[in-house]
PDB file of N, CA and C in Angstrom:
ATOM      1  N   SER A   1     -54.961  10.967 111.765  1.00  0.00           N
ATOM      2  CA  SER A   1     -54.746  10.791 112.778  1.00  0.00           C
ATOM      3  C   SER A   1     -53.372  10.305 112.829  1.00  0.00           C
ATOM      4  N   ASP A   2     -52.018  10.115 114.748  1.00  0.00           N
ATOM      5  CA  ASP A   2     -51.148   9.092 114.670  1.00  0.00           C
ATOM      6  C   ASP A   2     -51.592   8.079 114.393  1.00  0.00           C
ATOM      7  N   GLU A   3     -52.640   7.780 115.102  1.00  0.00           N
ATOM      8  CA  GLU A   3     -52.956   6.107 114.996  1.00  0.00           C
ATOM      9  C   GLU A   3     -52.972   5.763 113.795  1.00  0.00           C
ATOM     10  N   GLN A   4     -54.035   6.133 112.769  1.00  0.00           N
ATOM     11  CA  GLN A   4     -54.176   6.053 110.744  1.00  0.00           C
ATOM     12  C   GLN A   4     -52.565   5.927 110.493  1.00  0.00           C
ATOM     13  N   LEU A   5     -52.199   6.744 111.113  1.00  0.00           N
ATOM     14  CA  LEU A   5     -50.140   6.966 110.339  1.00  0.00           C
ATOM     15  C   LEU A   5     -49.458   5.421 111.046  1.00  0.00           C
ATOM     16  N   SER A   6     -49.641   5.237 111.950  1.00  0.00           N
ATOM     17  CA  SER A   6     -49.262   4.143 112.563  1.00  0.00           C
ATOM     18  C   SER A   6     -49.473   2.999 111.936  1.00  0.00           C
ATOM     19  N   ILE A   7     -50.865   2.728 111.640  1.00  0.00           N
ATOM     20  CA  ILE A   7     -51.854   1.613 110.838  1.00  0.00           C
ATOM     21  C   ILE A   7     -50.873   1.935 109.401  1.00  0.00           C
ATOM     22  N   LEU A   8     -50.749   2.889 108.843  1.00  0.00           N
ATOM     23  CA  LEU A   8     -50.357   2.656 107.792  1.00  0.00           C
ATOM     24  C   LEU A   8     -49.089   2.391 107.622  1.00  0.00           C
ATOM     25  N   HIS A   9     -48.290   2.983 108.482  1.00  0.00           N
ATOM     26  CA  HIS A   9     -46.315   2.441 108.601  1.00  0.00           C
ATOM     27  C   HIS A   9     -46.324   0.728 108.628  1.00  0.00           C
ATOM     28  N   PHE A  10     -47.652   0.495 109.828  1.00  0.00           N
ATOM     29  CA  PHE A  10     -47.262  -1.225 109.817  1.00  0.00           C
ATOM     30  C   PHE A  10     -47.847  -1.809 108.439  1.00  0.00           C
ATOM     31  N   LEU A  11     -48.323  -1.215 107.932  1.00  0.00           N
ATOM     32  CA  LEU A  11     -48.500  -2.315 106.516  1.00  0.00           C
ATOM     33  C   LEU A  11     -48.004  -2.664 105.816  1.00  0.00           C
ATOM     34  N   TYR A  12     -47.344  -0.781 105.396  1.00  0.00           N
ATOM     35  CA  TYR A  12     -46.697  -0.429 104.181  1.00  0.00           C
ATOM     36  C   TYR A  12     -45.287  -0.337 104.178  1.00  0.00           C
ATOM     37  N   GLY A  13     -44.478   0.003 105.601  1.00  0.00           N
ATOM     38  CA  GLY A  13     -43.286  -0.075 105.968  1.00  0.00           C
ATOM     39  C   GLY A  13     -42.584   0.693 105.284  1.00  0.00           C
ATOM     40  N   LYS A  14     -41.501   0.619 104.885  1.00  0.00           N
ATOM     41  CA  LYS A  14     -40.496   0.944 104.329  1.00  0.00           C
ATOM     42  C   LYS A  14     -41.341   2.190 102.772  1.00  0.00           C
ATOM     43  N   ASN A  15     -42.224   1.335 101.624  1.00  0.00           N
ATOM     44  CA  ASN A  15     -42.955   2.277 100.928  1.00  0.00           C
ATOM     45  C   ASN A  15     -43.832   3.454 101.742  1.00  0.00           C
ATOM     46  N   PHE A  16     -44.513   2.971 103.038  1.00  0.00           N
ATOM     47  CA  PHE A  16     -45.124   4.119 103.234  1.00  0.00           C
ATOM     48  C   PHE A  16     -44.273   5.197 103.789  1.00  0.00           C
ATOM     49  N   GLU A  17     -42.875   5.145 104.307  1.00  0.00           N
ATOM     50  CA  GLU A  17     -41.884   6.019 104.374  1.00  0.00           C
ATOM     51  C   GLU A  17     -41.919   6.781 103.188  1.00  0.00           C
ATOM     52  N   ARG A  18     -41.390   6.216 102.665  1.00  0.00           N
ATOM     53  CA  ARG A  18     -41.111   7.270 100.852  1.00  0.00           C
ATOM     54  C   ARG A  18     -42.427   7.604 100.660  1.00  0.00           C
ATOM     55  N   ALA A  19     -43.406   7.233 100.353  1.00  0.00           N
ATOM     56  CA  ALA A  19     -44.715   8.052 100.000  1.00  0.00           C
ATOM     57  C   ALA A  19     -44.728   9.236 100.803  1.00  0.00           C
ATOM     58  N   MET A  20     -44.589   8.939 102.193  1.00  0.00           N
ATOM     59  CA  MET A  20     -44.673  10.407 103.200  1.00  0.00           C
ATOM     60  C   MET A  20     -43.387  11.591 102.837  1.00  0.00           C
ATOM     61  N   ARG A  21     -42.239  10.924 102.640  1.00  0.00           N
ATOM     62  CA  ARG A  21     -41.506  12.115 102.018  1.00  0.00           C
ATOM     63  C   ARG A  21     -41.820  12.674 101.061  1.00  0.00           C
ATOM     64  N   ILE A  22     -42.007  12.635  99.990  1.00  0.00           N
ATOM     65  CA  ILE A  22     -42.460  12.495  98.672  1.00  0.00           C
ATOM     66  C   ILE A  22     -43.453  13.791  99.015  1.00  0.00           C
ATOM     67  N   LEU A  23     -44.577  13.257  99.976  1.00  0.00           N
ATOM     68  CA  LEU A  23     -45.849  14.279  99.887  1.00  0.00           C
ATOM     69  C   LEU A  23     -45.253  15.695 100.571  1.00  0.00           C
ATOM     70  N   ASP A  24     -44.549  15.210 101.932  1.00  0.00           N
ATOM     71  CA  ASP A  24     -44.270  16.496 102.662  1.00  0.00           C
ATOM     72  C   ASP A  24     -43.141  17.527 101.987  1.00  0.00           C
ATOM     73  N   GLN A  25     -42.070  16.665 100.705  1.00  0.00           N
ATOM     74  CA  GLN A  25     -41.525  17.900  99.687  1.00  0.00           C
ATOM     75  C   GLN A  25     -42.389  18.324  98.210  1.00  0.00           C
ATOM     76  N   GLY A  26     -43.590  17.695  98.622  1.00  0.00           N
ATOM     77  CA  GLY A  26     -44.761  18.358  97.707  1.00  0.00           C
ATOM     78  C   GLY A  26     -44.138  18.095  95.926  1.00  0.00           C
ATOM     79  N   GLY A  27     -43.622  16.508  96.257  1.00  0.00           N
ATOM     80  CA  GLY A  27     -44.052  16.176  95.050  1.00  0.00           C
ATOM     81  C   GLY A  27     -44.937  15.279  94.461  1.00  0.00           C
ATOM     82  N   VAL A  28     -46.402  15.804  94.732  1.00  0.00           N
ATOM     83  CA  VAL A  28     -47.677  15.389  94.047  1.00  0.00           C
ATOM     84  C   VAL A  28     -48.313  16.316  94.082  1.00  0.00           C
ATOM     85  N   THR A  29     -48.591  16.332  92.493  1.00  0.00           N
ATOM     86  CA  THR A  29     -49.647  17.218  92.239  1.00  0.00           C
ATOM     87  C   THR A  29     -50.584  16.609  91.516  1.00  0.00           C
ATOM     88  N   LEU A  30     -52.233  16.951  91.866  1.00  0.00           N
ATOM     89  CA  LEU A  30     -53.117  16.316  91.280  1.00  0.00           C
ATOM     90  C   LEU A  30     -53.725  17.171  89.573  1.00  0.00           C
ATOM     91  N   ILE A  31     -53.700  16.684  88.842  1.00  0.00           N
ATOM     92  CA  ILE A  31     -53.985  17.294  87.797  1.00  0.00           C
ATOM     93  C   ILE A  31     -55.437  16.538  86.920  1.00  0.00           C
ATOM     94  N   VAL A  32     -56.440  17.278  87.314  1.00  0.00           N
ATOM     95  CA  VAL A  32     -57.903  17.324  86.634  1.00  0.00           C
ATOM     96  C   VAL A  32     -58.186  17.743  84.841  1.00  0.00           C
ATOM     97  N   GLY A  33     -58.477  16.833  83.759  1.00  0.00           N
ATOM     98  CA  GLY A  33     -58.628  17.344  82.751  1.00  0.00           C
ATOM     99  C   GLY A  33     -60.222  18.080  82.742  1.00  0.00           C
ATOM    100  N   GLU A  34     -60.223  18.636  81.495  1.00  0.00           N
ATOM    101  CA  GLU A  34     -61.402  19.503  81.405  1.00  0.00           C
ATOM    102  C   GLU A  34     -61.456  19.263  79.725  1.00  0.00           C
ATOM    103  N   PRO A  35     -62.762  19.181  79.113  1.00  0.00           N
ATOM    104  CA  PRO A  35     -64.130  18.779  80.121  1.00  0.00           C
ATOM    105  C   PRO A  35     -64.538  17.654  80.960  1.00  0.00           C
ATOM    106  N   SER A  36     -63.859  16.588  80.977  1.00  0.00           N
ATOM    107  CA  SER A  36     -63.580  15.064  81.410  1.00  0.00           C
ATOM    108  C   SER A  36     -63.878  15.021  82.903  1.00  0.00           C
ATOM    109  N   ASN A  37     -62.951  15.979  83.477  1.00  0.00           N
ATOM    110  CA  ASN A  37     -63.089  15.805  85.015  1.00  0.00           C
ATOM    111  C   ASN A  37     -62.360  14.414  85.313  1.00  0.00           C
ATOM    112  N   ARG A  38     -61.677  13.825  84.129  1.00  0.00           N
ATOM    113  CA  ARG A  38     -60.876  12.600  84.518  1.00  0.00           C
ATOM    114  C   ARG A  38     -59.233  13.228  85.539  1.00  0.00           C
ATOM    115  N   ALA A  39     -58.640  12.707  86.672  1.00  0.00           N
ATOM    116  CA  ALA A  39     -57.785  13.021  87.324  1.00  0.00           C
ATOM    117  C   ALA A  39     -56.702  12.045  87.150  1.00  0.00           C
ATOM    118  N   VAL A  40     -55.121  12.539  86.938  1.00  0.00           N
ATOM    119  CA  VAL A  40     -54.375  11.754  87.290  1.00  0.00           C
ATOM    120  C   VAL A  40     -53.501  12.419  88.059  1.00  0.00           C
ATOM    121  N   PHE A  41     -52.073  11.973  88.878  1.00  0.00           N
ATOM    122  CA  PHE A  41     -51.117  12.596  90.015  1.00  0.00           C
ATOM    123  C   PHE A  41     -49.843  12.433  89.165  1.00  0.00           C
ATOM    124  N   MET A  42     -49.599  13.558  89.113  1.00  0.00           N
ATOM    125  CA  MET A  42     -47.742  13.961  89.131  1.00  0.00           C
ATOM    126  C   MET A  42     -47.418  13.191  90.010  1.00  0.00           C
ATOM    127  N   VAL A  43     -46.289  12.245  90.355  1.00  0.00           N
ATOM    128  CA  VAL A  43     -45.695  12.559  91.397  1.00  0.00           C
ATOM    129  C   VAL A  43     -43.791  12.573  91.051  1.00  0.00           C
ATOM    130  N   ALA A  44     -42.865  13.173  91.804  1.00  0.00           N
ATOM    131  CA  ALA A  44     -41.896  13.396  91.686  1.00  0.00           C
ATOM    132  C   ALA A  44     -41.238  12.814  92.452  1.00  0.00           C
ATOM    133  N   GLY A  45     -40.332  11.630  91.645  1.00  0.00           N
ATOM    134  CA  GLY A  45     -39.473  10.347  92.412  1.00  0.00           C
ATOM    135  C   GLY A  45     -38.445  10.995  93.230  1.00  0.00           C
ATOM    136  N   GLU A  46     -37.962  10.188  94.094  1.00  0.00           N
ATOM    137  CA  GLU A  46     -36.603  10.547  94.993  1.00  0.00           C
ATOM    138  C   GLU A  46     -35.462  10.857  94.544  1.00  0.00           C
ATOM    139  N   SER A  47     -35.357  10.312  93.262  1.00  0.00           N
ATOM    140  CA  SER A  47     -33.790   9.969  92.683  1.00  0.00           C
ATOM    141  C   SER A  47     -33.559  11.892  92.903  1.00  0.00           C
ATOM    142  N   LYS A  48     -32.097  11.960  92.550  1.00  0.00           N
ATOM    143  CA  LYS A  48     -31.631  12.966  92.245  1.00  0.00           C
ATOM    144  C   LYS A  48     -32.323  14.193  91.021  1.00  0.00           C
ATOM    145  N   ASN A  49     -32.428  13.327  90.198  1.00  0.00           N
ATOM    146  CA  ASN A  49     -33.187  14.010  89.097  1.00  0.00           C
ATOM    147  C   ASN A  49     -34.721  14.379  89.153  1.00  0.00           C
ATOM    148  N   ARG A  50     -35.285  13.552  90.145  1.00  0.00           N
ATOM    149  CA  ARG A  50     -36.860  13.920  90.511  1.00  0.00           C
ATOM    150  C   ARG A  50     -37.982  13.479  88.740  1.00  0.00           C
ATOM    151  N   ASP A  51     -37.541  12.429  88.662  1.00  0.00           N
ATOM    152  CA  ASP A  51     -38.190  12.081  87.563  1.00  0.00           C
ATOM    153  C   ASP A  51     -39.763  12.168  88.147  1.00  0.00           C
ATOM    154  N   GLN A  52     -40.882  12.581  87.078  1.00  0.00           N
ATOM    155  CA  GLN A  52     -42.109  12.501  87.147  1.00  0.00           C
ATOM    156  C   GLN A  52     -42.837  11.148  86.681  1.00  0.00           C
ATOM    157  N   TYR A  53     -43.544  11.143  87.594  1.00  0.00           N
ATOM    158  CA  TYR A  53     -44.254   9.580  86.770  1.00  0.00           C
ATOM    159  C   TYR A  53     -45.598   9.825  87.274  1.00  0.00           C
ATOM    160  N   ILE A  54     -46.819   9.265  86.128  1.00  0.00           N
ATOM    161  CA  ILE A  54     -48.202   9.729  86.124  1.00  0.00           C
ATOM    162  C   ILE A  54     -48.686   8.180  87.396  1.00  0.00           C
ATOM    163  N   CYS A  55     -49.648   8.547  88.175  1.00  0.00           N
ATOM    164  CA  CYS A  55     -50.216   8.011  88.907  1.00  0.00           C
ATOM    165  C   CYS A  55     -51.630   8.036  88.472  1.00  0.00           C
ATOM    166  N   PHE A  56     -52.160   6.732  88.194  1.00  0.00           N
ATOM    167  CA  PHE A  56     -54.031   6.601  88.043  1.00  0.00           C
ATOM    168  C   PHE A  56     -54.606   6.402  89.137  1.00  0.00           C
ATOM    169  N   PRO A  57     -55.669   7.033  89.546  1.00  0.00           N
ATOM    170  CA  PRO A  57     -56.466   6.771  90.611  1.00  0.00           C
ATOM    171  C   PRO A  57     -56.998   5.296  90.774  1.00  0.00           C
ATOM    172  N   GLU A  58     -56.825   4.713  89.592  1.00  0.00           N
ATOM    173  CA  GLU A  58     -57.099   3.328  89.373  1.00  0.00           C
ATOM    174  C   GLU A  58     -56.011   2.469  90.292  1.00  0.00           C
ATOM    175  N   HIS A  59     -55.229   2.934  90.823  1.00  0.00           N
ATOM    176  CA  HIS A  59     -54.192   1.981  91.343  1.00  0.00           C
ATOM    177  C   HIS A  59     -53.227   1.639  89.810  1.00  0.00           C
ATOM    178  N   HIS A  60     -52.676   2.487  89.325  1.00  0.00           N
ATOM    179  CA  HIS A  60     -51.546   2.485  88.364  1.00  0.00           C
ATOM    180  C   HIS A  60     -50.653   3.044  88.615  1.00  0.00           C
ATOM    181  N   CYS A  61     -49.024   3.096  88.210  1.00  0.00           N
ATOM    182  CA  CYS A  61     -48.008   4.252  87.909  1.00  0.00           C
ATOM    183  C   CYS A  61     -47.302   3.856  87.069  1.00  0.00           C
ATOM    184  N   THR A  62     -46.500   4.404  86.481  1.00  0.00           N
ATOM    185  CA  THR A  62     -45.711   4.407  85.132  1.00  0.00           C
ATOM    186  C   THR A  62     -44.195   4.635  85.984  1.00  0.00           C
ATOM    187  N   CYS A  63     -44.240   4.532  87.116  1.00  0.00           N
ATOM    188  CA  CYS A  63     -42.816   4.469  87.818  1.00  0.00           C
ATOM    189  C   CYS A  63     -42.043   2.893  87.644  1.00  0.00           C
ATOM    190  N   TYR A  64     -41.171   2.489  87.502  1.00  0.00           N
ATOM    191  CA  TYR A  64     -40.220   0.987  87.161  1.00  0.00           C
ATOM    192  C   TYR A  64     -40.628   0.385  88.721  1.00  0.00           C
ATOM    193  N   SER A  65     -40.752   1.280  89.878  1.00  0.00           N
ATOM    194  CA  SER A  65     -41.078   0.461  91.162  1.00  0.00           C
ATOM    195  C   SER A  65     -42.384  -0.076  91.252  1.00  0.00           C
ATOM    196  N   PHE A  66     -43.622   0.905  90.396  1.00  0.00           N
ATOM    197  CA  PHE A  66     -44.240  -0.377  90.640  1.00  0.00           C
ATOM    198  C   PHE A  66     -44.588  -1.356  90.208  1.00  0.00           C
ATOM    199  N   PHE A  67     -43.921  -1.819  88.627  1.00  0.00           N
ATOM    200  CA  PHE A  67     -43.782  -3.061  87.913  1.00  0.00           C
ATOM    201  C   PHE A  67     -43.030  -3.874  88.791  1.00  0.00           C
ATOM    202  N   TYR A  68     -41.799  -3.189  89.327  1.00  0.00           N
ATOM    203  CA  TYR A  68     -41.386  -4.248  90.073  1.00  0.00           C
ATOM    204  C   TYR A  68     -41.664  -4.880  91.489  1.00  0.00           C
ATOM    205  N   GLU A  69     -42.727  -4.115  92.124  1.00  0.00           N
ATOM    206  CA  GLU A  69     -42.706  -4.373  93.311  1.00  0.00           C
ATOM    207  C   GLU A  69     -44.088  -4.228  93.538  1.00  0.00           C
ATOM    208  N   THR A  70     -45.082  -3.924  92.757  1.00  0.00           N
ATOM    209  CA  THR A  70     -46.509  -4.228  92.536  1.00  0.00           C
ATOM    210  C   THR A  70     -46.589  -5.680  91.774  1.00  0.00           C
ATOM    211  N   VAL A  71     -46.364  -5.318  90.593  1.00  0.00           N
ATOM    212  CA  VAL A  71     -46.952  -6.319  89.432  1.00  0.00           C
ATOM    213  C   VAL A  71     -45.853  -7.585  89.953  1.00  0.00           C
ATOM    214  N   ASN A  72     -44.766  -7.706  90.311  1.00  0.00           N
ATOM    215  CA  ASN A  72     -43.963  -8.739  89.812  1.00  0.00           C
ATOM    216  C   ASN A  72     -44.558  -9.504  91.650  1.00  0.00           C
ATOM    217  N   LYS A  73     -44.172  -8.677  92.459  1.00  0.00           N
ATOM    218  CA  LYS A  73     -43.988  -8.976  93.817  1.00  0.00           C
ATOM    219  C   LYS A  73     -45.337  -9.095  94.656  1.00  0.00           C
ATOM    220  N   GLY A  74     -46.192  -8.377  94.329  1.00  0.00           N
ATOM    221  CA  GLY A  74     -47.484  -8.488  95.005  1.00  0.00           C
ATOM    222  C   GLY A  74     -47.462  -7.441  96.087  1.00  0.00           C
ATOM    223  N   GLU A  75     -47.106  -6.593  95.840  1.00  0.00           N
ATOM    224  CA  GLU A  75     -46.841  -5.486  97.011  1.00  0.00           C
ATOM    225  C   GLU A  75     -48.066  -4.563  97.028  1.00  0.00           C
ATOM    226  N   GLN A  76     -48.903  -3.579  97.644  1.00  0.00           N
ATOM    227  CA  GLN A  76     -49.546  -3.172  97.580  1.00  0.00           C
ATOM    228  C   GLN A  76     -49.360  -1.219  97.301  1.00  0.00           C
ATOM    229  N   LEU A  77     -48.199  -1.230  97.438  1.00  0.00           N
ATOM    230  CA  LEU A  77     -48.019   0.142  97.117  1.00  0.00           C
ATOM    231  C   LEU A  77     -46.447  -0.023  96.238  1.00  0.00           C
ATOM    232  N   CYS A  78     -45.665   1.042  95.349  1.00  0.00           N
ATOM    233  CA  CYS A  78     -44.434   1.479  95.033  1.00  0.00           C
ATOM    234  C   CYS A  78     -43.985   2.088  95.405  1.00  0.00           C
TER     235      CYS A  78
END
């Protein structure tokens, strides 16, 4: 709902806006392994060459922003 989007924007600010742009551009793909049913997300970055990053449902991403924003600065999202 619009209210939920507003709350998420309040909580995460610019990171939420970037994530929504990536979603709107079709930059997220769910990959499920067989037979384990383990899931990861492939996410295309916003850079010119749209680098691909692996995001695990357990709150980990292979992108530089994850390390810089989440690990170093304690942000909730990269």
